[in-house]
Amino acid sequence: MRALVVDYHMGNLRSVAKALEKVGFEVRVSSDPEQVKVAEVLVLPGVGAFKDAMENLKRLGLLKEVLRHIEKGKPYLGICLGLQLLFERSYEFGESQGMGVLQGEVLPLPPKLKVPHVGWNQANKKRNSPLLKDIEGEYFYFVHSYHAVPKKPEVVLTTTHYGLEFVSSVQEGNLFAVQFHPEKSQRAGLKLIENFKRELYG
């Protein structure tokens, strides 16, 4: 049960690695494209600007291998930026192209709201998934100013209310991504990661 946490110089990776280890993953943190190429499970966390994240993935030679991993249907867990980058484009500091794995775009939270959205909010189930076993309606920790708007509603797993109803997790096949931070969400966050592992390995 090996997981590779992709280091593309966007945010603190250690807390993500520790959470994965806690539920039984053997974890490596790496920015080496060759490690991404052979990874069983890929975890893409991240905090910061969408455009910088895409530029770092390209500059480090990681983008091609991340896309190849997803195209092969291998397991992928995206956290925060790791969810947003899956979409076609973002409008953070101008328009930037994303990975385009999922159709849709990343938009700013409405200006009437206090941003960034920081704190605990509920993830409300929109469809059934083993990933939500025993955590339906739980509260998770968020830190973000933008939110993903998928073109296909069938990829939406949960939504969260913060002035509007926004998408807080998506799932398509072995691809799973969350806007919140499970590694900072205590029991519910660890349970979610444990469910991800169980879905993959039984």
N, C-alpha and C. Protein backbone atom coordinates (compact mmCIF):
# COMPACT_ATOMS: atom_id res chain seq x y z
N MET A 1 0.84 -1.19 0.00
CA MET A 1 0.00 0.00 0.00
C MET A 1 0.87 1.24 0.00
N ARG A 2 1.44 1.53 -1.16
CA ARG A 2 2.39 2.64 -1.27
C ARG A 2 1.73 3.84 -1.92
N ALA A 3 1.96 5.01 -1.35
CA ALA A 3 1.41 6.26 -1.90
C ALA A 3 2.54 7.25 -2.10
N LEU A 4 2.51 7.95 -3.22
CA LEU A 4 3.49 8.99 -3.49
C LEU A 4 2.82 10.34 -3.37
N VAL A 5 3.34 11.18 -2.49
CA VAL A 5 2.88 12.56 -2.35
C VAL A 5 3.75 13.42 -3.26
N VAL A 6 3.12 14.08 -4.23
CA VAL A 6 3.87 14.85 -5.22
C VAL A 6 4.29 16.20 -4.63
N ASP A 7 5.59 16.41 -4.61
CA ASP A 7 6.15 17.68 -4.11
C ASP A 7 6.40 18.60 -5.30
N TYR A 8 5.49 19.56 -5.50
CA TYR A 8 5.69 20.54 -6.56
C TYR A 8 5.81 21.95 -5.98
N HIS A 9 6.31 21.97 -4.73
CA HIS A 9 6.69 23.21 -4.04
C HIS A 9 5.49 24.11 -3.75
N MET A 10 4.35 23.47 -3.41
CA MET A 10 3.14 24.24 -3.10
C MET A 10 2.53 23.73 -1.79
N GLY A 11 3.02 24.23 -0.68
CA GLY A 11 2.38 23.92 0.59
C GLY A 11 3.12 22.88 1.42
N ASN A 12 2.63 22.71 2.64
CA ASN A 12 3.23 21.78 3.60
C ASN A 12 2.78 20.36 3.30
N LEU A 13 3.71 19.51 2.93
CA LEU A 13 3.38 18.14 2.53
C LEU A 13 3.46 17.16 3.69
N ARG A 14 4.17 17.57 4.75
CA ARG A 14 4.43 16.61 5.82
C ARG A 14 3.15 16.18 6.53
N SER A 15 2.22 17.11 6.76
CA SER A 15 0.99 16.74 7.46
C SER A 15 0.15 15.78 6.62
N VAL A 16 0.19 15.93 5.30
CA VAL A 16 -0.51 14.99 4.41
C VAL A 16 0.14 13.62 4.50
N ALA A 17 1.46 13.58 4.44
CA ALA A 17 2.17 12.31 4.53
C ALA A 17 1.89 11.61 5.85
N LYS A 18 1.88 12.36 6.94
CA LYS A 18 1.63 11.77 8.27
C LYS A 18 0.22 11.19 8.34
N ALA A 19 -0.76 11.87 7.77
CA ALA A 19 -2.14 11.36 7.78
C ALA A 19 -2.24 10.06 6.98
N LEU A 20 -1.57 10.00 5.84
CA LEU A 20 -1.57 8.77 5.03
C LEU A 20 -0.90 7.62 5.78
N GLU A 21 0.20 7.93 6.44
CA GLU A 21 0.90 6.91 7.24
C GLU A 21 0.03 6.40 8.38
N LYS A 22 -0.74 7.30 8.96
CA LYS A 22 -1.58 6.97 10.11
C LYS A 22 -2.60 5.87 9.77
N VAL A 23 -3.09 5.88 8.52
CA VAL A 23 -4.09 4.87 8.14
C VAL A 23 -3.47 3.66 7.45
N GLY A 24 -2.12 3.62 7.37
CA GLY A 24 -1.47 2.41 6.90
C GLY A 24 -0.77 2.47 5.56
N PHE A 25 -0.75 3.65 4.93
CA PHE A 25 0.00 3.77 3.68
C PHE A 25 1.50 3.83 3.96
N GLU A 26 2.28 3.25 3.07
CA GLU A 26 3.71 3.49 3.04
C GLU A 26 3.90 4.70 2.13
N VAL A 27 4.52 5.77 2.64
CA VAL A 27 4.49 7.06 1.95
C VAL A 27 5.89 7.51 1.53
N ARG A 28 5.95 8.03 0.32
CA ARG A 28 7.14 8.72 -0.15
C ARG A 28 6.72 10.09 -0.65
N VAL A 29 7.52 11.12 -0.34
CA VAL A 29 7.30 12.48 -0.86
C VAL A 29 8.40 12.75 -1.88
N SER A 30 8.02 13.11 -3.10
CA SER A 30 9.04 13.25 -4.14
C SER A 30 8.61 14.25 -5.20
N SER A 31 9.62 14.91 -5.79
CA SER A 31 9.41 15.77 -6.96
C SER A 31 10.06 15.15 -8.20
N ASP A 32 10.37 13.85 -8.13
CA ASP A 32 11.04 13.15 -9.22
C ASP A 32 9.99 12.56 -10.18
N PRO A 33 9.96 12.99 -11.44
CA PRO A 33 8.99 12.44 -12.39
C PRO A 33 9.07 10.93 -12.53
N GLU A 34 10.26 10.36 -12.36
CA GLU A 34 10.41 8.90 -12.47
C GLU A 34 9.66 8.19 -11.32
N GLN A 35 9.62 8.81 -10.17
CA GLN A 35 8.86 8.24 -9.04
C GLN A 35 7.36 8.32 -9.31
N VAL A 36 6.93 9.43 -9.91
CA VAL A 36 5.51 9.57 -10.27
C VAL A 36 5.13 8.50 -11.28
N LYS A 37 6.02 8.23 -12.22
CA LYS A 37 5.76 7.26 -13.30
C LYS A 37 5.46 5.87 -12.75
N VAL A 38 6.09 5.49 -11.66
CA VAL A 38 5.92 4.12 -11.15
C VAL A 38 5.02 4.07 -9.91
N ALA A 39 4.42 5.20 -9.53
CA ALA A 39 3.61 5.24 -8.30
C ALA A 39 2.35 4.38 -8.42
N GLU A 40 2.02 3.69 -7.34
CA GLU A 40 0.75 2.96 -7.26
C GLU A 40 -0.41 3.93 -7.06
N VAL A 41 -0.24 4.79 -6.05
CA VAL A 41 -1.26 5.77 -5.67
C VAL A 41 -0.60 7.14 -5.66
N LEU A 42 -1.24 8.10 -6.31
CA LEU A 42 -0.69 9.45 -6.38
C LEU A 42 -1.54 10.39 -5.53
N VAL A 43 -0.87 11.18 -4.69
CA VAL A 43 -1.56 12.18 -3.86
C VAL A 43 -1.01 13.54 -4.24
N LEU A 44 -1.91 14.44 -4.65
CA LEU A 44 -1.51 15.79 -5.06
C LEU A 44 -2.17 16.79 -4.14
N PRO A 45 -1.45 17.23 -3.09
CA PRO A 45 -1.98 18.29 -2.21
C PRO A 45 -1.54 19.64 -2.76
N GLY A 46 -1.73 20.68 -1.98
CA GLY A 46 -1.24 21.98 -2.42
C GLY A 46 -2.04 23.13 -1.84
N VAL A 47 -1.32 24.22 -1.55
CA VAL A 47 -1.91 25.47 -1.07
C VAL A 47 -1.23 26.59 -1.84
N GLY A 48 -2.03 27.52 -2.36
CA GLY A 48 -1.43 28.64 -3.08
C GLY A 48 -2.16 28.93 -4.37
N ALA A 49 -1.47 29.59 -5.30
CA ALA A 49 -2.08 30.07 -6.53
C ALA A 49 -2.09 28.99 -7.62
N PHE A 50 -3.20 28.91 -8.31
CA PHE A 50 -3.41 27.94 -9.38
C PHE A 50 -2.33 28.06 -10.47
N LYS A 51 -2.09 29.28 -10.94
CA LYS A 51 -1.13 29.50 -12.02
C LYS A 51 0.26 29.05 -11.61
N ASP A 52 0.69 29.41 -10.40
CA ASP A 52 2.01 28.99 -9.91
C ASP A 52 2.11 27.47 -9.84
N ALA A 53 1.02 26.84 -9.41
CA ALA A 53 1.02 25.38 -9.29
C ALA A 53 1.22 24.72 -10.66
N MET A 54 0.49 25.18 -11.67
CA MET A 54 0.64 24.62 -13.01
C MET A 54 2.05 24.85 -13.55
N GLU A 55 2.58 26.04 -13.32
CA GLU A 55 3.94 26.35 -13.79
C GLU A 55 4.97 25.45 -13.12
N ASN A 56 4.80 25.21 -11.82
CA ASN A 56 5.73 24.34 -11.10
C ASN A 56 5.65 22.90 -11.60
N LEU A 57 4.44 22.41 -11.83
CA LEU A 57 4.28 21.05 -12.34
C LEU A 57 4.98 20.89 -13.69
N LYS A 58 4.85 21.89 -14.53
CA LYS A 58 5.51 21.83 -15.85
C LYS A 58 7.02 21.94 -15.70
N ARG A 59 7.47 22.92 -14.92
CA ARG A 59 8.91 23.18 -14.77
C ARG A 59 9.66 21.98 -14.20
N LEU A 60 9.01 21.28 -13.29
CA LEU A 60 9.65 20.13 -12.64
C LEU A 60 9.48 18.83 -13.44
N GLY A 61 8.80 18.92 -14.58
CA GLY A 61 8.61 17.73 -15.41
C GLY A 61 7.59 16.75 -14.86
N LEU A 62 6.71 17.24 -13.98
CA LEU A 62 5.76 16.37 -13.29
C LEU A 62 4.41 16.26 -14.00
N LEU A 63 4.03 17.30 -14.73
CA LEU A 63 2.68 17.36 -15.28
C LEU A 63 2.36 16.17 -16.18
N LYS A 64 3.27 15.85 -17.09
CA LYS A 64 3.04 14.76 -18.03
C LYS A 64 2.82 13.44 -17.31
N GLU A 65 3.61 13.21 -16.27
CA GLU A 65 3.51 11.93 -15.55
C GLU A 65 2.26 11.87 -14.68
N VAL A 66 1.86 13.00 -14.11
CA VAL A 66 0.61 13.03 -13.34
C VAL A 66 -0.57 12.72 -14.26
N LEU A 67 -0.59 13.35 -15.43
CA LEU A 67 -1.67 13.11 -16.39
C LEU A 67 -1.68 11.66 -16.87
N ARG A 68 -0.50 11.11 -17.11
CA ARG A 68 -0.41 9.72 -17.56
C ARG A 68 -0.95 8.77 -16.49
N HIS A 69 -0.62 9.06 -15.24
CA HIS A 69 -1.11 8.26 -14.12
C HIS A 69 -2.64 8.25 -14.10
N ILE A 70 -3.24 9.42 -14.23
CA ILE A 70 -4.70 9.53 -14.20
C ILE A 70 -5.33 8.85 -15.41
N GLU A 71 -4.74 9.05 -16.59
CA GLU A 71 -5.27 8.46 -17.82
C GLU A 71 -5.27 6.93 -17.76
N LYS A 72 -4.33 6.37 -17.04
CA LYS A 72 -4.26 4.91 -16.89
C LYS A 72 -5.30 4.38 -15.91
N GLY A 73 -6.03 5.28 -15.25
CA GLY A 73 -7.03 4.87 -14.28
C GLY A 73 -6.44 4.46 -12.94
N LYS A 74 -5.19 4.86 -12.69
CA LYS A 74 -4.55 4.55 -11.40
C LYS A 74 -5.09 5.51 -10.33
N PRO A 75 -5.07 5.11 -9.07
CA PRO A 75 -5.68 5.91 -8.00
C PRO A 75 -5.00 7.27 -7.82
N TYR A 76 -5.84 8.28 -7.67
CA TYR A 76 -5.39 9.66 -7.49
C TYR A 76 -6.22 10.29 -6.38
N LEU A 77 -5.54 10.94 -5.44
CA LEU A 77 -6.20 11.71 -4.39
C LEU A 77 -5.70 13.14 -4.47
N GLY A 78 -6.61 14.08 -4.77
CA GLY A 78 -6.26 15.49 -4.82
C GLY A 78 -6.80 16.22 -3.61
N ILE A 79 -6.01 17.13 -3.05
CA ILE A 79 -6.40 17.89 -1.87
C ILE A 79 -6.24 19.38 -2.17
N CYS A 80 -7.32 20.14 -2.00
CA CYS A 80 -7.33 21.59 -2.18
C CYS A 80 -6.93 21.96 -3.62
N LEU A 81 -5.73 22.48 -3.84
CA LEU A 81 -5.28 22.74 -5.21
C LEU A 81 -5.28 21.48 -6.05
N GLY A 82 -5.06 20.34 -5.41
CA GLY A 82 -5.07 19.06 -6.11
C GLY A 82 -6.42 18.71 -6.69
N LEU A 83 -7.49 19.33 -6.19
CA LEU A 83 -8.81 19.23 -6.82
C LEU A 83 -8.94 20.27 -7.93
N GLN A 84 -8.62 21.51 -7.64
CA GLN A 84 -8.84 22.59 -8.61
C GLN A 84 -8.05 22.39 -9.89
N LEU A 85 -6.84 21.88 -9.79
CA LEU A 85 -5.98 21.71 -10.95
C LEU A 85 -6.51 20.68 -11.95
N LEU A 86 -7.42 19.83 -11.52
CA LEU A 86 -8.00 18.83 -12.41
C LEU A 86 -8.86 19.45 -13.50
N PHE A 87 -9.33 20.67 -13.29
CA PHE A 87 -10.29 21.28 -14.20
C PHE A 87 -9.60 22.03 -15.34
N GLU A 88 -10.40 22.52 -16.27
CA GLU A 88 -9.86 23.08 -17.51
C GLU A 88 -9.20 24.43 -17.33
N ARG A 89 -9.74 25.26 -16.43
CA ARG A 89 -9.18 26.60 -16.28
C ARG A 89 -9.57 27.20 -14.93
N SER A 90 -8.78 28.20 -14.53
CA SER A 90 -9.06 28.97 -13.33
C SER A 90 -8.95 30.44 -13.68
N TYR A 91 -9.65 31.28 -12.92
CA TYR A 91 -9.60 32.73 -13.14
C TYR A 91 -8.91 33.44 -11.97
N GLU A 92 -8.00 32.74 -11.33
CA GLU A 92 -7.23 33.32 -10.24
C GLU A 92 -6.06 34.12 -10.82
N PHE A 93 -6.03 35.43 -10.60
CA PHE A 93 -5.00 36.32 -11.17
C PHE A 93 -4.98 36.20 -12.69
N GLY A 94 -6.15 36.31 -13.31
CA GLY A 94 -6.26 36.13 -14.75
C GLY A 94 -6.58 34.68 -15.08
N GLU A 95 -6.79 34.40 -16.34
CA GLU A 95 -7.15 33.04 -16.74
C GLU A 95 -5.92 32.16 -16.89
N SER A 96 -5.97 30.97 -16.30
CA SER A 96 -4.89 30.00 -16.41
C SER A 96 -5.46 28.64 -16.78
N GLN A 97 -4.72 27.92 -17.61
CA GLN A 97 -5.16 26.59 -18.03
C GLN A 97 -4.79 25.55 -16.97
N GLY A 98 -5.74 24.65 -16.69
CA GLY A 98 -5.48 23.56 -15.77
C GLY A 98 -5.16 22.27 -16.50
N MET A 99 -5.26 21.15 -15.82
CA MET A 99 -4.93 19.86 -16.41
C MET A 99 -6.01 19.37 -17.37
N GLY A 100 -7.24 19.84 -17.21
CA GLY A 100 -8.30 19.46 -18.13
C GLY A 100 -8.76 18.02 -18.01
N VAL A 101 -8.49 17.38 -16.89
CA VAL A 101 -8.93 16.00 -16.67
C VAL A 101 -10.46 15.97 -16.50
N LEU A 102 -10.99 16.97 -15.81
CA LEU A 102 -12.43 17.11 -15.63
C LEU A 102 -12.88 18.39 -16.33
N GLN A 103 -14.05 18.34 -16.93
CA GLN A 103 -14.60 19.53 -17.59
C GLN A 103 -15.14 20.50 -16.53
N GLY A 104 -14.85 21.78 -16.73
CA GLY A 104 -15.32 22.78 -15.79
C GLY A 104 -14.24 23.80 -15.50
N GLU A 105 -14.55 24.73 -14.60
CA GLU A 105 -13.62 25.81 -14.30
C GLU A 105 -13.62 26.12 -12.81
N VAL A 106 -12.64 26.92 -12.42
CA VAL A 106 -12.46 27.30 -11.02
C VAL A 106 -12.70 28.80 -10.90
N LEU A 107 -13.69 29.16 -10.08
CA LEU A 107 -14.14 30.54 -9.96
C LEU A 107 -13.91 31.08 -8.55
N PRO A 108 -13.82 32.41 -8.40
CA PRO A 108 -13.68 32.98 -7.06
C PRO A 108 -14.97 32.85 -6.27
N LEU A 109 -14.84 32.70 -4.96
CA LEU A 109 -16.00 32.79 -4.10
C LEU A 109 -16.57 34.21 -4.24
N PRO A 110 -17.88 34.38 -4.08
CA PRO A 110 -18.50 35.70 -4.27
C PRO A 110 -17.88 36.77 -3.39
N PRO A 111 -17.72 38.00 -3.91
CA PRO A 111 -17.05 39.07 -3.16
C PRO A 111 -17.76 39.48 -1.88
N LYS A 112 -19.06 39.15 -1.78
CA LYS A 112 -19.80 39.50 -0.56
C LYS A 112 -19.36 38.66 0.64
N LEU A 113 -18.67 37.54 0.37
CA LEU A 113 -18.25 36.63 1.45
C LEU A 113 -16.89 37.02 1.98
N LYS A 114 -16.64 36.63 3.20
CA LYS A 114 -15.31 36.79 3.77
C LYS A 114 -14.40 35.74 3.14
N VAL A 115 -13.34 36.19 2.49
CA VAL A 115 -12.39 35.27 1.87
C VAL A 115 -10.98 35.58 2.36
N PRO A 116 -10.13 34.56 2.46
CA PRO A 116 -10.45 33.17 2.17
C PRO A 116 -11.47 32.58 3.15
N HIS A 117 -12.16 31.56 2.66
CA HIS A 117 -13.03 30.76 3.52
C HIS A 117 -12.14 29.88 4.37
N VAL A 118 -12.11 30.17 5.66
CA VAL A 118 -11.26 29.42 6.60
C VAL A 118 -12.14 28.89 7.72
N GLY A 119 -12.06 27.59 7.94
CA GLY A 119 -12.77 27.02 9.08
C GLY A 119 -13.50 25.74 8.75
N TRP A 120 -14.35 25.33 9.69
CA TRP A 120 -15.02 24.03 9.63
C TRP A 120 -16.40 24.17 9.00
N ASN A 121 -16.64 23.37 7.99
CA ASN A 121 -17.95 23.34 7.34
C ASN A 121 -18.32 21.91 6.97
N GLN A 122 -19.61 21.72 6.78
CA GLN A 122 -20.17 20.38 6.56
C GLN A 122 -20.07 19.98 5.09
N ALA A 123 -19.72 18.72 4.86
CA ALA A 123 -19.74 18.14 3.51
C ALA A 123 -21.02 17.33 3.38
N ASN A 124 -21.89 17.74 2.45
CA ASN A 124 -23.20 17.11 2.28
C ASN A 124 -23.18 16.17 1.08
N LYS A 125 -23.53 14.92 1.32
CA LYS A 125 -23.46 13.89 0.29
C LYS A 125 -24.46 14.15 -0.84
N LYS A 126 -23.98 14.03 -2.09
CA LYS A 126 -24.83 14.18 -3.26
C LYS A 126 -25.07 12.84 -3.96
N ARG A 127 -24.23 11.87 -3.70
CA ARG A 127 -24.44 10.52 -4.23
C ARG A 127 -23.70 9.53 -3.35
N ASN A 128 -24.03 8.28 -3.49
CA ASN A 128 -23.42 7.25 -2.65
C ASN A 128 -22.00 6.93 -3.11
N SER A 129 -21.14 6.69 -2.14
CA SER A 129 -19.77 6.27 -2.41
C SER A 129 -19.20 5.62 -1.15
N PRO A 130 -18.44 4.54 -1.31
CA PRO A 130 -17.75 3.95 -0.15
C PRO A 130 -16.80 4.94 0.53
N LEU A 131 -16.39 5.97 -0.18
CA LEU A 131 -15.48 6.97 0.40
C LEU A 131 -16.13 7.77 1.52
N LEU A 132 -17.46 7.76 1.55
CA LEU A 132 -18.18 8.52 2.58
C LEU A 132 -18.70 7.63 3.71
N LYS A 133 -18.30 6.39 3.73
CA LYS A 133 -18.77 5.46 4.77
C LYS A 133 -18.48 6.00 6.16
N ASP A 134 -19.51 6.12 6.98
CA ASP A 134 -19.42 6.55 8.39
C ASP A 134 -19.01 8.02 8.58
N ILE A 135 -19.02 8.82 7.51
CA ILE A 135 -18.67 10.24 7.68
C ILE A 135 -19.67 11.15 6.98
N GLU A 136 -20.82 10.64 6.64
CA GLU A 136 -21.82 11.46 5.96
C GLU A 136 -22.23 12.65 6.85
N GLY A 137 -22.17 13.85 6.29
CA GLY A 137 -22.56 15.05 7.04
C GLY A 137 -21.53 15.56 8.02
N GLU A 138 -20.32 15.00 8.02
CA GLU A 138 -19.27 15.44 8.94
C GLU A 138 -18.72 16.82 8.53
N TYR A 139 -18.04 17.45 9.48
CA TYR A 139 -17.42 18.75 9.25
C TYR A 139 -15.94 18.57 8.92
N PHE A 140 -15.47 19.34 7.94
CA PHE A 140 -14.07 19.29 7.51
C PHE A 140 -13.50 20.71 7.50
N TYR A 141 -12.16 20.77 7.48
CA TYR A 141 -11.48 22.07 7.59
C TYR A 141 -11.13 22.60 6.19
N PHE A 142 -11.55 23.83 5.93
CA PHE A 142 -11.35 24.48 4.63
C PHE A 142 -10.43 25.70 4.75
N VAL A 143 -9.63 25.92 3.71
CA VAL A 143 -8.88 27.18 3.53
C VAL A 143 -8.81 27.42 2.02
N HIS A 144 -9.67 28.30 1.49
CA HIS A 144 -9.66 28.55 0.04
C HIS A 144 -10.44 29.82 -0.29
N SER A 145 -10.12 30.37 -1.46
CA SER A 145 -10.81 31.56 -1.97
C SER A 145 -11.51 31.28 -3.30
N TYR A 146 -11.25 30.12 -3.88
CA TYR A 146 -11.82 29.73 -5.18
C TYR A 146 -12.51 28.39 -5.04
N HIS A 147 -13.42 28.10 -5.96
CA HIS A 147 -14.14 26.83 -5.91
C HIS A 147 -14.35 26.30 -7.32
N ALA A 148 -14.36 24.98 -7.44
CA ALA A 148 -14.52 24.32 -8.73
C ALA A 148 -16.00 24.23 -9.11
N VAL A 149 -16.25 24.44 -10.40
CA VAL A 149 -17.61 24.32 -10.96
C VAL A 149 -17.56 23.29 -12.09
N PRO A 150 -17.83 22.01 -11.78
CA PRO A 150 -17.78 20.97 -12.82
C PRO A 150 -18.90 21.15 -13.84
N LYS A 151 -18.60 20.78 -15.08
CA LYS A 151 -19.62 20.82 -16.13
C LYS A 151 -20.56 19.63 -16.01
N LYS A 152 -20.04 18.50 -15.52
CA LYS A 152 -20.84 17.29 -15.39
C LYS A 152 -21.23 17.07 -13.92
N PRO A 153 -22.50 17.20 -13.57
CA PRO A 153 -22.91 17.05 -12.17
C PRO A 153 -22.65 15.65 -11.61
N GLU A 154 -22.52 14.66 -12.47
CA GLU A 154 -22.34 13.29 -11.97
C GLU A 154 -20.98 13.06 -11.30
N VAL A 155 -20.02 13.97 -11.48
CA VAL A 155 -18.73 13.81 -10.79
C VAL A 155 -18.78 14.34 -9.36
N VAL A 156 -19.81 15.10 -9.02
CA VAL A 156 -19.89 15.73 -7.70
C VAL A 156 -20.23 14.70 -6.64
N LEU A 157 -19.40 14.63 -5.60
CA LEU A 157 -19.64 13.70 -4.50
C LEU A 157 -20.26 14.40 -3.30
N THR A 158 -19.72 15.57 -2.93
CA THR A 158 -20.30 16.36 -1.84
C THR A 158 -20.31 17.84 -2.21
N THR A 159 -21.20 18.58 -1.56
CA THR A 159 -21.19 20.04 -1.65
C THR A 159 -21.17 20.61 -0.24
N THR A 160 -20.82 21.87 -0.14
CA THR A 160 -20.72 22.57 1.15
C THR A 160 -21.32 23.96 1.00
N HIS A 161 -22.00 24.41 2.05
CA HIS A 161 -22.62 25.74 2.01
C HIS A 161 -21.74 26.76 2.72
N TYR A 162 -21.37 27.80 1.95
CA TYR A 162 -20.68 28.96 2.52
C TYR A 162 -21.08 30.17 1.68
N GLY A 163 -22.25 30.70 1.95
CA GLY A 163 -22.79 31.79 1.15
C GLY A 163 -23.37 31.33 -0.17
N LEU A 164 -22.88 30.21 -0.65
CA LEU A 164 -23.40 29.52 -1.82
C LEU A 164 -23.11 28.04 -1.63
N GLU A 165 -23.73 27.20 -2.44
CA GLU A 165 -23.47 25.77 -2.38
C GLU A 165 -22.36 25.45 -3.37
N PHE A 166 -21.17 25.12 -2.86
CA PHE A 166 -20.06 24.84 -3.76
C PHE A 166 -19.63 23.38 -3.66
N VAL A 167 -18.94 22.92 -4.67
CA VAL A 167 -18.49 21.52 -4.73
C VAL A 167 -17.30 21.33 -3.79
N SER A 168 -17.44 20.39 -2.85
CA SER A 168 -16.35 20.16 -1.90
C SER A 168 -15.63 18.84 -2.11
N SER A 169 -16.16 17.96 -2.96
CA SER A 169 -15.41 16.76 -3.37
C SER A 169 -15.98 16.21 -4.65
N VAL A 170 -15.11 15.55 -5.42
CA VAL A 170 -15.50 14.92 -6.69
C VAL A 170 -14.92 13.52 -6.74
N GLN A 171 -15.58 12.68 -7.53
CA GLN A 171 -15.07 11.33 -7.75
C GLN A 171 -15.44 10.89 -9.16
N GLU A 172 -14.48 10.33 -9.87
CA GLU A 172 -14.72 9.71 -11.17
C GLU A 172 -13.78 8.53 -11.29
N GLY A 173 -14.33 7.33 -11.21
CA GLY A 173 -13.49 6.13 -11.22
C GLY A 173 -12.56 6.14 -10.02
N ASN A 174 -11.27 5.95 -10.29
CA ASN A 174 -10.26 5.95 -9.22
C ASN A 174 -9.74 7.33 -8.90
N LEU A 175 -10.33 8.36 -9.50
CA LEU A 175 -9.93 9.74 -9.24
C LEU A 175 -10.85 10.30 -8.15
N PHE A 176 -10.25 10.79 -7.09
CA PHE A 176 -10.99 11.34 -5.95
C PHE A 176 -10.27 12.61 -5.50
N ALA A 177 -11.02 13.69 -5.30
CA ALA A 177 -10.39 14.94 -4.88
C ALA A 177 -11.33 15.74 -4.00
N VAL A 178 -10.74 16.46 -3.05
CA VAL A 178 -11.51 17.21 -2.06
C VAL A 178 -10.98 18.64 -1.98
N GLN A 179 -11.91 19.60 -1.75
CA GLN A 179 -11.52 20.99 -1.59
C GLN A 179 -10.99 21.24 -0.17
N PHE A 180 -11.49 20.49 0.79
CA PHE A 180 -11.07 20.66 2.18
C PHE A 180 -9.75 19.94 2.44
N HIS A 181 -9.29 20.04 3.68
CA HIS A 181 -8.01 19.44 4.08
C HIS A 181 -8.27 18.27 5.05
N PRO A 182 -8.33 17.05 4.55
CA PRO A 182 -8.57 15.92 5.46
C PRO A 182 -7.44 15.75 6.49
N GLU A 183 -6.23 16.14 6.11
CA GLU A 183 -5.10 16.01 7.03
C GLU A 183 -5.20 16.96 8.21
N LYS A 184 -6.09 17.97 8.12
CA LYS A 184 -6.30 18.92 9.22
C LYS A 184 -7.69 18.75 9.84
N SER A 185 -8.40 17.70 9.42
CA SER A 185 -9.81 17.54 9.82
C SER A 185 -10.02 16.47 10.87
N GLN A 186 -8.97 16.15 11.60
CA GLN A 186 -9.06 15.26 12.75
C GLN A 186 -9.71 13.92 12.40
N ARG A 187 -10.62 13.44 13.23
CA ARG A 187 -11.16 12.09 13.07
C ARG A 187 -11.83 11.88 11.71
N ALA A 188 -12.64 12.85 11.30
CA ALA A 188 -13.37 12.71 10.03
C ALA A 188 -12.40 12.65 8.85
N GLY A 189 -11.35 13.46 8.90
CA GLY A 189 -10.36 13.47 7.82
C GLY A 189 -9.62 12.17 7.71
N LEU A 190 -9.20 11.62 8.86
CA LEU A 190 -8.52 10.33 8.85
C LEU A 190 -9.44 9.22 8.38
N LYS A 191 -10.71 9.30 8.76
CA LYS A 191 -11.66 8.28 8.32
C LYS A 191 -11.84 8.33 6.80
N LEU A 192 -11.87 9.53 6.24
CA LEU A 192 -11.98 9.67 4.79
C LEU A 192 -10.79 9.04 4.08
N ILE A 193 -9.58 9.29 4.57
CA ILE A 193 -8.39 8.71 3.97
C ILE A 193 -8.38 7.19 4.15
N GLU A 194 -8.85 6.74 5.30
CA GLU A 194 -8.96 5.30 5.53
C GLU A 194 -9.95 4.67 4.55
N ASN A 195 -11.06 5.34 4.29
CA ASN A 195 -12.04 4.86 3.32
C ASN A 195 -11.43 4.78 1.92
N PHE A 196 -10.62 5.77 1.58
CA PHE A 196 -9.92 5.78 0.29
C PHE A 196 -9.01 4.56 0.18
N LYS A 197 -8.28 4.29 1.23
CA LYS A 197 -7.39 3.11 1.22
C LYS A 197 -8.19 1.82 1.12
N ARG A 198 -9.29 1.72 1.86
CA ARG A 198 -10.12 0.53 1.85
C ARG A 198 -10.76 0.31 0.48
N GLU A 199 -11.17 1.39 -0.16
CA GLU A 199 -11.74 1.30 -1.51
C GLU A 199 -10.73 0.73 -2.50
N LEU A 200 -9.46 1.05 -2.31
CA LEU A 200 -8.42 0.57 -3.20
C LEU A 200 -7.96 -0.84 -2.88
N TYR A 201 -7.86 -1.16 -1.61
CA TYR A 201 -7.20 -2.40 -1.19
C TYR A 201 -8.11 -3.36 -0.43
N GLY A 202 -9.31 -2.91 -0.09
CA GLY A 202 -10.24 -3.80 0.62
C GLY A 202 -9.94 -3.90 2.11
